[in-house]
């Protein structure tokens, strides 16, 4: 696995920053982007102060916030150097975390899990989009006899725990 540091963490990476409220940026920062994001490097990782998260240039950086937040609100996040992962890698180091109550799907990274089915980044993105569609739309469920809530749970659960296509899974329920 590639090692990330202050000279390469911003090149096509996925990372989950953790919001921190107990860090004050020093006057002398390490880097300031064109969009006014500020960065401060430590031996352990990087602090980022920004009002935009998610798609950041060629990266996908999420903020795990302590409370709900909206982009355009400045937040400080911290990530360790070993929290960065390559997004163009074929390595299967991502899984999809589902919250059925909120009807959300999130891509998370973890190389150490053995209980979750892992995908490479591009496959995880593709599956997340399809899951979002399953949560938002209901027309697709008209062709099935099961209750839509039970159907969503069964199909999505199998979809995130296998390499089967969505079409293969749906076909098994028809």
Protein backbone atom coordinates (compact mmCIF):
# COMPACT_ATOMS: atom_id res chain seq x y z
CA UNK A 1 0.00 0.00 0.00
CA UNK A 2 1.26 3.44 -0.89
CA UNK A 3 2.42 5.61 2.00
CA UNK A 4 0.95 9.12 2.08
CA UNK A 5 2.51 12.28 3.48
CA UNK A 6 2.45 16.06 2.97
CA UNK A 7 3.87 15.78 -0.54
CA UNK A 8 1.33 13.35 -2.03
CA UNK A 9 -1.89 13.13 0.06
CA UNK A 10 -3.70 15.50 -2.32
CA UNK A 11 -3.23 13.33 -5.42
CA UNK A 12 -6.30 11.20 -6.25
CA UNK A 13 -7.09 10.05 -2.71
CA UNK A 14 -10.08 9.09 -0.63
CA UNK A 15 -10.08 10.08 3.04
CA UNK A 16 -12.44 10.52 5.95
CA UNK A 17 -11.42 13.52 8.03
CA UNK A 18 -12.71 13.72 11.59
CA UNK A 19 -14.08 17.09 12.66
CA UNK A 20 -12.14 18.68 15.47
CA UNK A 21 -13.08 21.77 17.43
CA UNK A 22 -10.04 21.89 19.68
CA UNK A 23 -7.40 22.93 17.14
CA UNK A 24 -6.45 26.52 16.38
CA UNK A 25 -4.63 27.08 13.14
CA UNK A 26 -1.27 28.77 13.68
CA UNK A 27 -0.51 31.97 11.81
CA UNK A 28 2.09 30.16 9.74
CA UNK A 29 0.26 27.41 7.85
CA UNK A 30 1.78 24.89 5.45
CA UNK A 31 -0.50 25.51 2.50
CA UNK A 32 -3.44 27.64 1.38
CA UNK A 33 -5.41 26.58 -1.70
CA UNK A 34 -6.96 28.80 -4.36
CA UNK A 35 -10.34 28.14 -2.76
CA UNK A 36 -9.05 29.37 0.63
CA UNK A 37 -8.74 25.97 2.31
CA UNK A 38 -5.90 25.92 4.82
CA UNK A 39 -3.64 23.01 5.67
CA UNK A 40 -1.34 22.35 8.60
CA UNK A 41 0.87 19.25 8.61
CA UNK A 42 2.04 17.28 11.60
CA UNK A 43 4.09 14.10 11.81
CA UNK A 44 0.87 12.21 12.48
CA UNK A 45 -1.34 13.74 9.77
CA UNK A 46 -2.96 16.87 8.36
CA UNK A 47 -5.46 19.45 9.62
CA UNK A 48 -7.71 20.98 6.98
CA UNK A 49 -9.84 24.09 7.49
CA UNK A 50 -12.35 24.46 4.72
CA UNK A 51 -15.92 25.29 3.77
CA UNK A 52 -16.19 22.50 1.20
CA UNK A 53 -15.88 18.74 1.58
CA UNK A 54 -16.69 15.78 -0.63
CA UNK A 55 -15.24 16.20 -4.07
CA UNK A 56 -12.07 18.23 -3.57
CA UNK A 57 -10.13 18.74 -6.82
CA UNK A 58 -9.16 15.19 -7.84
CA UNK A 59 -9.87 13.73 -4.38
CA UNK A 60 -12.86 12.51 -2.42
CA UNK A 61 -12.53 13.82 1.14
CA UNK A 62 -15.40 13.37 3.55
CA UNK A 63 -15.83 15.14 6.84
CA UNK A 64 -17.12 12.97 9.65
CA UNK A 65 -18.86 15.78 11.49
CA UNK A 66 -19.92 15.92 15.11
CA UNK A 67 -23.22 17.45 14.04
CA UNK A 68 -25.04 18.08 10.78
CA UNK A 69 -23.32 20.67 8.67
CA UNK A 70 -23.74 22.18 5.25
CA UNK A 71 -21.06 22.99 2.74
CA UNK A 72 -20.14 26.67 2.81
CA UNK A 73 -19.79 26.41 6.59
CA UNK A 74 -16.14 26.34 7.62
CA UNK A 75 -15.07 23.27 9.57
CA UNK A 76 -11.71 21.86 10.69
CA UNK A 77 -10.97 18.21 10.09
CA UNK A 78 -8.01 16.01 10.90
CA UNK A 79 -6.78 12.88 9.14
CA UNK A 80 -3.80 10.68 9.84
CA UNK A 81 -1.48 9.96 6.94
CA UNK A 82 -2.52 6.31 6.96
CA UNK A 83 -6.19 7.36 6.53
CA UNK A 84 -5.58 8.25 2.87
CA UNK A 85 -6.30 5.67 0.18
CA UNK A 86 -5.77 5.75 -3.59
CA UNK A 87 -9.02 6.10 -5.55
CA UNK A 88 -7.62 4.74 -8.82
CA UNK A 89 -6.35 1.55 -7.28
CA UNK A 90 -7.83 -1.80 -8.22
CA UNK A 91 -7.42 -2.87 -4.60
CA UNK A 92 -10.62 -3.82 -2.84
CA UNK A 93 -10.40 -1.66 0.29
CA UNK A 94 -13.82 0.04 0.34
CA UNK A 95 -17.17 -1.07 1.69
CA UNK A 96 -20.64 0.44 1.64
CA UNK A 97 -22.26 1.30 4.94
CA UNK A 98 -26.06 1.43 4.80
CA UNK A 99 -28.44 3.21 7.14
CA UNK A 100 -31.86 1.83 6.26
CA UNK A 101 -33.68 4.20 8.63
CA UNK A 102 -32.21 7.31 6.99
CA UNK A 103 -32.06 5.66 3.55
CA UNK A 104 -28.41 6.52 3.05
CA UNK A 105 -25.34 4.77 1.71
CA UNK A 106 -21.76 5.79 2.50
CA UNK A 107 -18.48 4.56 1.13
CA UNK A 108 -15.96 3.77 3.83
CA UNK A 109 -12.43 2.47 3.71
CA UNK A 110 -11.08 -0.42 5.66
CA UNK A 111 -8.37 -2.87 4.82
CA UNK A 112 -8.59 -4.77 8.09
CA UNK A 113 -12.17 -6.00 7.99
CA UNK A 114 -12.99 -9.57 7.14
CA UNK A 115 -16.73 -9.44 7.79
CA UNK A 116 -17.60 -6.89 5.12
CA UNK A 117 -17.48 -7.38 1.37
CA UNK A 118 -14.91 -5.03 -0.15
CA UNK A 119 -14.86 -3.21 -3.50
CA UNK A 120 -12.42 -1.03 -5.39
CA UNK A 121 -13.33 2.68 -5.36
CA UNK A 122 -14.96 2.84 -8.80
CA UNK A 123 -17.15 -0.20 -8.07
CA UNK A 124 -18.13 1.24 -4.67
CA UNK A 125 -19.16 4.54 -6.33
CA UNK A 126 -21.23 2.68 -8.93
CA UNK A 127 -22.99 0.60 -6.29
CA UNK A 128 -23.64 3.61 -4.05
CA UNK A 129 -25.38 5.41 -6.94
CA UNK A 130 -27.59 2.39 -7.62
CA UNK A 131 -28.45 2.04 -3.93
CA UNK A 132 -29.37 5.74 -3.75
CA UNK A 133 -31.72 5.15 -6.68
CA UNK A 134 -33.29 2.15 -4.91
CA UNK A 135 -33.93 4.33 -1.85
CA UNK A 136 -35.32 7.34 -3.74
CA UNK A 137 -37.45 5.63 -6.37
CA UNK A 138 -40.27 3.17 -5.88
CA UNK A 139 -41.44 2.39 -9.44
CA UNK A 140 -38.88 -0.41 -9.76
CA UNK A 141 -40.62 -2.26 -6.91
CA UNK A 142 -44.00 -2.39 -8.70
CA UNK A 143 -42.98 -5.65 -10.40
CA UNK A 144 -42.40 -7.50 -7.13
CA UNK A 145 -44.88 -8.96 -4.68
CA UNK A 146 -42.90 -8.15 -1.53
CA UNK A 147 -43.37 -5.03 0.59
CA UNK A 148 -40.98 -2.33 -0.69
CA UNK A 149 -39.28 -1.90 2.70
CA UNK A 150 -38.53 -5.61 2.99
CA UNK A 151 -37.56 -5.77 -0.67
CA UNK A 152 -35.14 -2.84 -0.36
CA UNK A 153 -33.56 -4.40 2.71
CA UNK A 154 -33.11 -7.80 1.07
CA UNK A 155 -31.80 -6.51 -2.27
CA UNK A 156 -29.47 -3.86 -0.88
CA UNK A 157 -28.09 -6.19 1.79
CA UNK A 158 -27.22 -8.80 -0.79
CA UNK A 159 -25.85 -6.16 -3.16
CA UNK A 160 -23.32 -4.81 -0.65
CA UNK A 161 -22.24 -8.29 0.46
CA UNK A 162 -21.57 -9.88 -2.92
CA UNK A 163 -20.15 -9.33 -6.38
CA UNK A 164 -23.53 -10.01 -7.99
CA UNK A 165 -25.00 -7.34 -10.23
CA UNK A 166 -28.15 -5.54 -9.18
CA UNK A 167 -29.97 -7.13 -12.11
CA UNK A 168 -28.98 -10.65 -10.97
CA UNK A 169 -30.23 -9.96 -7.45
CA UNK A 170 -33.52 -8.43 -8.58
CA UNK A 171 -34.12 -11.34 -10.94
CA UNK A 172 -33.90 -13.78 -8.00
CA UNK A 173 -36.79 -11.94 -6.30
CA UNK A 174 -39.14 -11.87 -9.29
